[in-house]
Amino acid sequence: MLYNWLYPLHTEFSFLNVFRYQSFRIIYAAVTAFLIAFVLAPWVIRKLQEIKLGQQIRDDGPKRHLAKSGTPTMGGILIIFAVILSTLLWADISRPYVWLVLAATLGFGAIGFADDYLKFIKAQSKGLSAAQKFIAQIAVALGIALVLYFLPGYSTKLSVPFFKNFMPDLGWFYIVFAVLVIVGSSNAVNLTDGLDGLAIGPVMIAALAYTVVAYVSGHRLMSEYLLIPHIDGAGELAVFTAAILGSSLGFLWFNTYPASVFMGDVGSLPLGAALGTVAVISKHELLLLMVGGVFVIEAVSVIFQVASFKSRGKRIFLMAPIHHHFEMKGWEEPKVVVRLWIIAILLALLSLSTLKLR
């Protein structure tokens, strides 16, 4: 918005020419989102406490978690607000991709809000049913996928890491594929959100990685040099992912162990969907498996645990998702969180290396 308002005036005021540079707007999108989240967090936490919006802790998990009962939840509202406001301020809002990622964030945020609202305000312990949540997620993701499919000039070819000439065209099946990426990413982040700071750390790391990916994908010379698909306008997505990074940093200040607030589904579902949507638009969908490797591990641990118990009557892990397995083995919560962060950083670095290794 600032770009659209102020940059046209650069011929009269030369200092406004700085808005032309995406790198400038990327940095300040992150800073702005951080300040919004950091400054508003104490007020939001107080309001959540006033309406007694406290987290209910499951009693079949690690007993030390029972002390967290009553910790304010639905703090993800703050993250989403900071991301959207910062993006609107610093991105070129004439680009359709900006509105698509914002739509994904708001759409999945609404699903998460409805789920949290029913659980914590209406005291319906399970919130939305699994079927209701899944159908709503598919509906939002399908809308985004259809817009992309019919967007002039958008390619349905799939970019495969490490291969520069192998780009299969999925045709109409790309719609189904995009839905799977967005919905899968959303639920994977949601499953990871079980320890103080655990989900928000890898979200920040993935957002930073995709800031680089989106920037080079939208830069014609860089994308040609790296032999990756050039997506006109995708560079503005880097402003959006930078806003995710900044708002997550601000939230982490209060979510780090011992957490003063939890993000809830209203935070984890839209953050995962946002990353999935950015991955789809930037044509680096498969890279998300590596960038978000921690989320994949968490989701797969749940799938294996359920499949094993239903087929054999035995569990693979002491408890799923896998972060609870390590806790049940005696690891302290901060150790589990930091070690998974380390894994997320290494995976992100390896992911970025694939931009050159083709």
Protein backbone atom coordinates (compact mmCIF):
# COMPACT_ATOMS: atom_id res chain seq x y z
CA MET A 1 0.00 0.00 0.00
CA LEU A 2 2.81 2.40 0.86
CA TYR A 3 4.49 1.35 -2.38
CA ASN A 4 1.34 2.06 -4.38
CA TRP A 5 0.79 5.40 -2.67
CA LEU A 6 4.29 6.76 -2.28
CA TYR A 7 6.43 5.35 -5.06
CA PRO A 8 4.53 7.27 -7.83
CA LEU A 9 5.69 10.45 -6.06
CA HIS A 10 9.38 9.59 -6.40
CA THR A 11 9.77 11.92 -9.38
CA GLU A 12 8.98 14.83 -7.06
CA PHE A 13 10.56 13.46 -3.90
CA SER A 14 13.61 11.42 -4.83
CA PHE A 15 13.94 9.74 -1.42
CA LEU A 16 10.68 7.87 -2.12
CA ASN A 17 12.54 5.91 -4.81
CA VAL A 18 13.57 3.56 -2.01
CA PHE A 19 10.09 1.97 -2.16
CA ARG A 20 11.01 0.62 -5.57
CA TYR A 21 13.36 -1.91 -4.03
CA GLN A 22 11.81 -5.14 -2.80
CA SER A 23 14.76 -5.73 -0.46
CA PHE A 24 13.89 -2.51 1.40
CA ARG A 25 10.23 -3.44 1.69
CA ILE A 26 11.05 -7.02 2.73
CA ILE A 27 13.16 -5.82 5.64
CA TYR A 28 10.65 -3.27 6.83
CA ALA A 29 7.75 -5.69 6.48
CA ALA A 30 9.55 -7.97 8.93
CA VAL A 31 10.36 -5.11 11.31
CA THR A 32 6.82 -3.71 11.16
CA ALA A 33 5.22 -7.11 11.81
CA PHE A 34 7.59 -7.73 14.72
CA LEU A 35 6.76 -4.38 16.33
CA ILE A 36 3.01 -4.91 15.91
CA ALA A 37 3.15 -8.35 17.52
CA PHE A 38 5.60 -7.34 20.24
CA VAL A 39 3.79 -4.16 21.27
CA LEU A 40 0.26 -5.56 21.17
CA ALA A 41 1.03 -8.95 22.76
CA PRO A 42 0.78 -7.85 26.45
CA TRP A 43 -2.62 -6.23 25.81
CA VAL A 44 -3.86 -9.27 23.87
CA ILE A 45 -2.69 -11.63 26.62
CA ARG A 46 -4.51 -9.56 29.27
CA LYS A 47 -7.72 -9.62 27.22
CA LEU A 48 -7.47 -13.38 26.73
CA GLN A 49 -7.00 -13.78 30.49
CA GLU A 50 -9.97 -11.54 31.23
CA ILE A 51 -12.31 -13.69 29.18
CA LYS A 52 -10.72 -16.81 30.70
CA LEU A 53 -9.61 -18.17 27.34
CA GLY A 54 -7.25 -20.74 28.81
CA GLN A 55 -5.77 -23.86 27.24
CA GLN A 56 -7.15 -27.21 28.37
CA ILE A 57 -4.33 -29.72 28.80
CA ARG A 58 -4.87 -33.38 27.90
CA ASP A 59 -4.30 -35.63 30.92
CA ASP A 60 -2.82 -38.57 28.98
CA GLY A 61 0.37 -36.71 28.10
CA PRO A 62 3.46 -35.73 30.09
CA LYS A 63 2.29 -34.77 33.60
CA ARG A 64 4.46 -31.64 33.66
CA HIS A 65 2.14 -30.15 31.04
CA LEU A 66 -0.72 -29.99 33.55
CA ALA A 67 0.93 -26.88 35.02
CA LYS A 68 0.18 -25.10 31.72
CA SER A 69 -3.56 -25.44 32.19
CA GLY A 70 -5.22 -22.04 31.91
CA THR A 71 -2.46 -20.43 29.85
CA PRO A 72 -4.16 -18.01 27.41
CA THR A 73 -4.64 -19.40 23.93
CA MET A 74 -5.83 -18.06 20.55
CA GLY A 75 -2.77 -15.78 20.47
CA GLY A 76 -2.53 -16.62 16.77
CA ILE A 77 -5.01 -13.80 16.19
CA LEU A 78 -2.15 -11.42 16.96
CA ILE A 79 0.20 -13.15 14.50
CA ILE A 80 -2.33 -13.06 11.67
CA PHE A 81 -3.20 -9.41 12.34
CA ALA A 82 0.47 -8.42 12.25
CA VAL A 83 1.12 -10.40 9.05
CA ILE A 84 -1.86 -8.98 7.18
CA LEU A 85 -1.33 -5.37 8.26
CA SER A 86 2.38 -5.43 7.53
CA THR A 87 1.83 -7.05 4.12
CA LEU A 88 -0.81 -4.50 3.16
CA LEU A 89 1.55 -1.70 4.16
CA TRP A 90 4.70 -2.87 2.37
CA ALA A 91 3.67 -5.13 -0.54
CA ASP A 92 2.62 -4.07 -4.02
CA ILE A 93 -1.09 -4.73 -3.60
CA SER A 94 -1.70 -4.56 -7.33
CA ARG A 95 -0.23 -8.05 -7.61
CA PRO A 96 -2.84 -10.86 -7.52
CA TYR A 97 -0.50 -13.25 -5.73
CA VAL A 98 -0.48 -10.96 -2.70
CA TRP A 99 -4.25 -11.21 -2.38
CA LEU A 100 -4.15 -14.99 -2.84
CA VAL A 101 -1.79 -15.55 0.08
CA LEU A 102 -3.81 -13.13 2.20
CA ALA A 103 -6.98 -15.02 1.26
CA ALA A 104 -5.36 -18.30 2.29
CA THR A 105 -4.29 -16.78 5.60
CA LEU A 106 -7.71 -15.31 6.35
CA GLY A 107 -9.61 -18.38 5.14
CA PHE A 108 -7.67 -20.87 7.24
CA GLY A 109 -7.56 -18.36 10.08
CA ALA A 110 -11.36 -18.30 10.07
CA ILE A 111 -11.43 -22.11 10.27
CA GLY A 112 -8.98 -22.07 13.17
CA PHE A 113 -10.93 -19.32 14.91
CA ALA A 114 -14.19 -21.27 14.60
CA ASP A 115 -12.50 -24.37 16.02
CA ASP A 116 -10.94 -22.47 18.95
CA TYR A 117 -14.17 -20.51 19.55
CA LEU A 118 -16.19 -23.69 19.94
CA LYS A 119 -13.56 -25.33 22.15
CA PHE A 120 -12.67 -22.48 24.47
CA ILE A 121 -15.63 -20.10 24.45
CA LYS A 122 -18.57 -22.43 23.81
CA ALA A 123 -16.89 -25.18 25.87
CA GLN A 124 -17.39 -27.82 23.19
CA SER A 125 -14.32 -29.91 23.99
CA LYS A 126 -13.58 -31.08 20.43
CA GLY A 127 -14.47 -27.88 18.57
CA LEU A 128 -15.17 -28.50 14.90
CA SER A 129 -15.39 -32.15 13.94
CA ALA A 130 -12.54 -33.56 11.88
CA ALA A 131 -14.86 -33.79 8.88
CA GLN A 132 -16.07 -30.20 9.23
CA LYS A 133 -12.55 -28.87 9.54
CA PHE A 134 -11.24 -30.94 6.63
CA ILE A 135 -14.09 -29.98 4.29
CA ALA A 136 -13.64 -26.28 5.11
CA GLN A 137 -9.90 -26.52 4.50
CA ILE A 138 -10.40 -28.24 1.16
CA ALA A 139 -12.95 -25.60 0.13
CA VAL A 140 -10.57 -22.70 0.81
CA ALA A 141 -7.58 -24.45 -0.77
CA LEU A 142 -9.66 -25.46 -3.81
CA GLY A 143 -10.67 -21.85 -4.35
CA ILE A 144 -7.02 -20.77 -4.32
CA ALA A 145 -5.98 -23.62 -6.63
CA LEU A 146 -8.73 -22.81 -9.14
CA VAL A 147 -7.78 -19.13 -9.23
CA LEU A 148 -4.17 -20.09 -9.93
CA TYR A 149 -5.14 -22.64 -12.57
CA PHE A 150 -7.17 -20.11 -14.55
CA LEU A 151 -4.80 -17.22 -13.96
CA PRO A 152 -3.32 -16.15 -17.36
CA GLY A 153 0.26 -17.28 -17.75
CA TYR A 154 0.38 -19.50 -14.66
CA SER A 155 2.10 -22.81 -15.33
CA THR A 156 0.93 -26.21 -14.13
CA LYS A 157 4.42 -27.64 -14.48
CA LEU A 158 6.02 -29.11 -11.38
CA SER A 159 9.53 -28.02 -10.44
CA VAL A 160 11.55 -30.93 -9.06
CA PRO A 161 14.54 -30.17 -6.79
CA PHE A 162 17.96 -31.17 -8.18
CA PHE A 163 16.58 -31.50 -11.75
CA LYS A 164 16.74 -28.54 -14.13
CA ASN A 165 15.10 -30.12 -17.17
CA PHE A 166 12.59 -32.46 -15.55
CA MET A 167 9.39 -30.45 -15.08
CA PRO A 168 6.30 -32.65 -15.62
CA ASP A 169 3.11 -30.83 -16.58
CA LEU A 170 0.33 -31.94 -14.23
CA GLY A 171 -2.43 -30.28 -16.23
CA TRP A 172 -5.77 -30.22 -14.41
CA PHE A 173 -4.36 -32.56 -11.74
CA TYR A 174 -2.32 -29.57 -10.56
CA ILE A 175 -5.50 -28.33 -8.87
CA VAL A 176 -5.67 -31.48 -6.73
CA PHE A 177 -1.94 -31.31 -6.07
CA ALA A 178 -2.11 -27.68 -4.93
CA VAL A 179 -4.98 -28.50 -2.56
CA LEU A 180 -2.96 -31.36 -1.05
CA VAL A 181 0.06 -29.09 -0.51
CA ILE A 182 -1.91 -26.30 1.16
CA VAL A 183 -4.12 -28.51 3.34
CA GLY A 184 -1.25 -30.84 4.23
CA SER A 185 1.01 -27.97 5.22
CA SER A 186 -1.71 -26.42 7.35
CA ASN A 187 -2.39 -29.60 9.30
CA ALA A 188 1.29 -30.47 9.67
CA VAL A 189 2.00 -27.14 11.40
CA ASN A 190 -1.09 -27.66 13.54
CA LEU A 191 0.16 -31.06 14.72
CA THR A 192 3.57 -29.59 15.56
CA ASP A 193 2.07 -26.95 17.85
CA GLY A 194 2.34 -28.90 21.10
CA LEU A 195 5.28 -27.43 23.05
CA ASP A 196 6.26 -23.89 23.97
CA GLY A 197 7.84 -22.30 20.91
CA LEU A 198 8.01 -25.58 18.99
CA ALA A 199 5.83 -24.69 16.01
CA ILE A 200 6.64 -21.00 15.74
CA GLY A 201 10.40 -21.64 15.47
CA PRO A 202 10.25 -23.84 12.34
CA VAL A 203 7.58 -21.50 10.92
CA MET A 204 10.07 -18.62 11.16
CA ILE A 205 12.81 -20.71 9.59
CA ALA A 206 10.56 -21.87 6.74
CA ALA A 207 9.32 -18.30 6.21
CA LEU A 208 12.90 -17.07 5.94
CA ALA A 209 13.77 -19.82 3.46
CA TYR A 210 10.76 -19.03 1.30
CA THR A 211 11.57 -15.33 1.46
CA VAL A 212 14.74 -16.22 -0.43
CA VAL A 213 12.88 -18.58 -2.78
CA ALA A 214 10.13 -16.08 -3.58
CA TYR A 215 12.61 -13.26 -4.11
CA VAL A 216 14.78 -15.16 -6.60
CA SER A 217 11.74 -16.69 -8.33
CA GLY A 218 10.39 -13.22 -8.96
CA HIS A 219 13.74 -11.82 -10.13
CA ARG A 220 14.22 -12.57 -13.82
CA LEU A 221 18.03 -12.50 -13.88
CA MET A 222 18.44 -14.54 -10.70
CA SER A 223 15.89 -17.15 -11.73
CA GLU A 224 17.53 -17.52 -15.14
CA TYR A 225 20.95 -17.88 -13.55
CA LEU A 226 19.71 -20.50 -11.08
CA LEU A 227 17.65 -22.26 -13.78
CA ILE A 228 14.46 -22.09 -11.74
CA PRO A 229 11.00 -21.02 -12.99
CA HIS A 230 10.56 -17.27 -13.18
CA ILE A 231 7.21 -16.20 -11.72
CA ASP A 232 6.41 -12.61 -12.54
CA GLY A 233 5.20 -10.90 -9.37
CA ALA A 234 6.30 -13.67 -7.02
CA GLY A 235 8.88 -11.37 -5.49
CA GLU A 236 6.08 -9.62 -3.59
CA LEU A 237 5.49 -12.89 -1.75
CA ALA A 238 8.86 -12.30 -0.08
CA VAL A 239 7.31 -9.26 1.61
CA PHE A 240 4.54 -11.53 2.91
CA THR A 241 6.89 -14.25 4.18
CA ALA A 242 9.08 -11.58 5.80
CA ALA A 243 5.97 -10.38 7.63
CA ILE A 244 5.41 -13.95 8.85
CA LEU A 245 9.01 -14.03 10.08
CA GLY A 246 8.67 -10.72 11.92
CA SER A 247 5.32 -11.43 13.53
CA SER A 248 6.50 -14.88 14.59
CA LEU A 249 9.57 -13.36 16.25
CA GLY A 250 7.35 -10.95 18.16
CA PHE A 251 5.05 -13.77 19.21
CA LEU A 252 7.96 -16.02 20.20
CA TRP A 253 9.03 -13.45 22.81
CA PHE A 254 5.91 -14.43 24.75
CA ASN A 255 5.56 -18.03 23.53
CA THR A 256 9.03 -19.19 24.52
CA TYR A 257 9.29 -21.57 27.49
CA PRO A 258 7.48 -21.12 29.82
CA ALA A 259 4.87 -19.71 27.45
CA SER A 260 2.68 -16.78 28.43
CA VAL A 261 0.37 -17.46 25.48
CA PHE A 262 -0.35 -20.20 22.95
CA MET A 263 -1.24 -19.56 19.32
CA GLY A 264 -4.09 -22.08 19.04
CA ASP A 265 -5.57 -23.36 15.79
CA VAL A 266 -6.28 -19.76 14.76
CA GLY A 267 -2.51 -19.37 14.43
CA SER A 268 -1.16 -22.75 13.38
CA LEU A 269 -3.68 -23.53 10.61
CA PRO A 270 -3.28 -20.24 8.67
CA LEU A 271 0.50 -20.15 9.09
CA GLY A 272 0.79 -23.64 7.60
CA ALA A 273 -1.62 -22.77 4.80
CA ALA A 274 0.28 -19.55 4.07
CA LEU A 275 3.56 -21.44 3.68
CA GLY A 276 1.88 -24.02 1.47
CA THR A 277 0.34 -21.33 -0.73
CA VAL A 278 3.67 -19.53 -1.11
CA ALA A 279 5.30 -22.84 -2.04
CA VAL A 280 2.66 -23.45 -4.72
CA ILE A 281 2.77 -19.95 -6.23
CA SER A 282 6.58 -19.82 -6.28
CA LYS A 283 6.64 -23.24 -8.03
CA HIS A 284 8.69 -24.84 -5.26
CA GLU A 285 6.00 -27.12 -3.88
CA LEU A 286 8.16 -30.22 -3.38
CA LEU A 287 10.84 -28.14 -1.66
CA LEU A 288 8.36 -27.62 1.18
CA LEU A 289 8.87 -31.26 2.17
CA MET A 290 12.46 -30.37 3.03
CA VAL A 291 12.01 -26.78 4.23
CA GLY A 292 9.20 -27.90 6.52
CA GLY A 293 10.86 -31.21 7.33
CA VAL A 294 10.06 -30.91 11.05
CA PHE A 295 6.37 -30.53 10.23
CA VAL A 296 6.58 -33.56 7.94
CA ILE A 297 8.23 -35.64 10.67
CA GLU A 298 5.55 -34.64 13.17
CA ALA A 299 2.70 -35.44 10.78
CA VAL A 300 4.20 -38.75 9.65
CA SER A 301 4.72 -39.82 13.27
CA VAL A 302 0.99 -39.39 13.88
CA ILE A 303 0.07 -41.26 10.68
CA PHE A 304 2.36 -44.18 11.54
CA GLN A 305 1.17 -44.27 15.14
CA VAL A 306 -2.51 -44.42 14.17
CA ALA A 307 -1.91 -46.94 11.35
CA SER A 308 0.14 -49.21 13.60
CA PHE A 309 -2.38 -49.12 16.44
CA LYS A 310 -5.36 -49.82 14.18
CA SER A 311 -3.66 -52.60 12.21
CA ARG A 312 -1.57 -54.29 14.94
CA GLY A 313 -2.93 -52.93 18.19
CA LYS A 314 0.57 -51.68 19.02
CA ARG A 315 2.11 -48.22 19.18
CA ILE A 316 5.39 -47.27 17.50
CA PHE A 317 6.02 -44.25 19.72
CA LEU A 318 5.37 -43.75 23.40
CA MET A 319 3.11 -40.89 22.33
CA ALA A 320 2.44 -39.01 19.10
CA PRO A 321 3.24 -36.51 17.69
CA ILE A 322 6.89 -37.43 18.06
CA HIS A 323 7.83 -34.45 20.26
CA HIS A 324 5.75 -36.03 23.03
CA HIS A 325 7.61 -39.32 22.50
CA PHE A 326 10.89 -37.62 23.39
CA GLU A 327 9.27 -36.00 26.42
CA MET A 328 7.98 -39.38 27.61
CA LYS A 329 11.56 -40.65 27.30
CA GLY A 330 12.65 -38.01 29.79
CA TRP A 331 13.84 -35.12 27.61
CA GLU A 332 13.10 -31.71 29.03
CA GLU A 333 10.74 -29.59 26.96
CA PRO A 334 13.31 -26.88 26.02
CA LYS A 335 15.73 -29.58 24.85
CA VAL A 336 13.11 -31.11 22.54
CA VAL A 337 12.20 -27.69 21.14
CA VAL A 338 15.74 -26.45 20.51
CA ARG A 339 16.88 -29.71 18.95
CA LEU A 340 13.96 -29.68 16.53
CA TRP A 341 14.80 -26.05 15.73
CA ILE A 342 18.35 -27.15 14.91
CA ILE A 343 17.00 -29.81 12.56
CA ALA A 344 14.72 -27.21 10.94
CA ILE A 345 17.67 -24.85 10.34
CA LEU A 346 19.78 -27.60 8.77
CA LEU A 347 16.91 -28.69 6.52
CA ALA A 348 16.29 -25.09 5.44
CA LEU A 349 19.95 -24.65 4.51
CA LEU A 350 19.92 -27.89 2.53
CA SER A 351 16.74 -26.74 0.82
CA LEU A 352 18.26 -23.47 -0.28
CA SER A 353 21.26 -25.34 -1.68
CA THR A 354 18.94 -27.06 -4.17
CA LEU A 355 18.39 -23.71 -5.90
CA LYS A 356 21.93 -24.06 -7.25
CA LEU A 357 22.39 -27.83 -7.27
CA ARG A 358 20.56 -28.71 -10.47
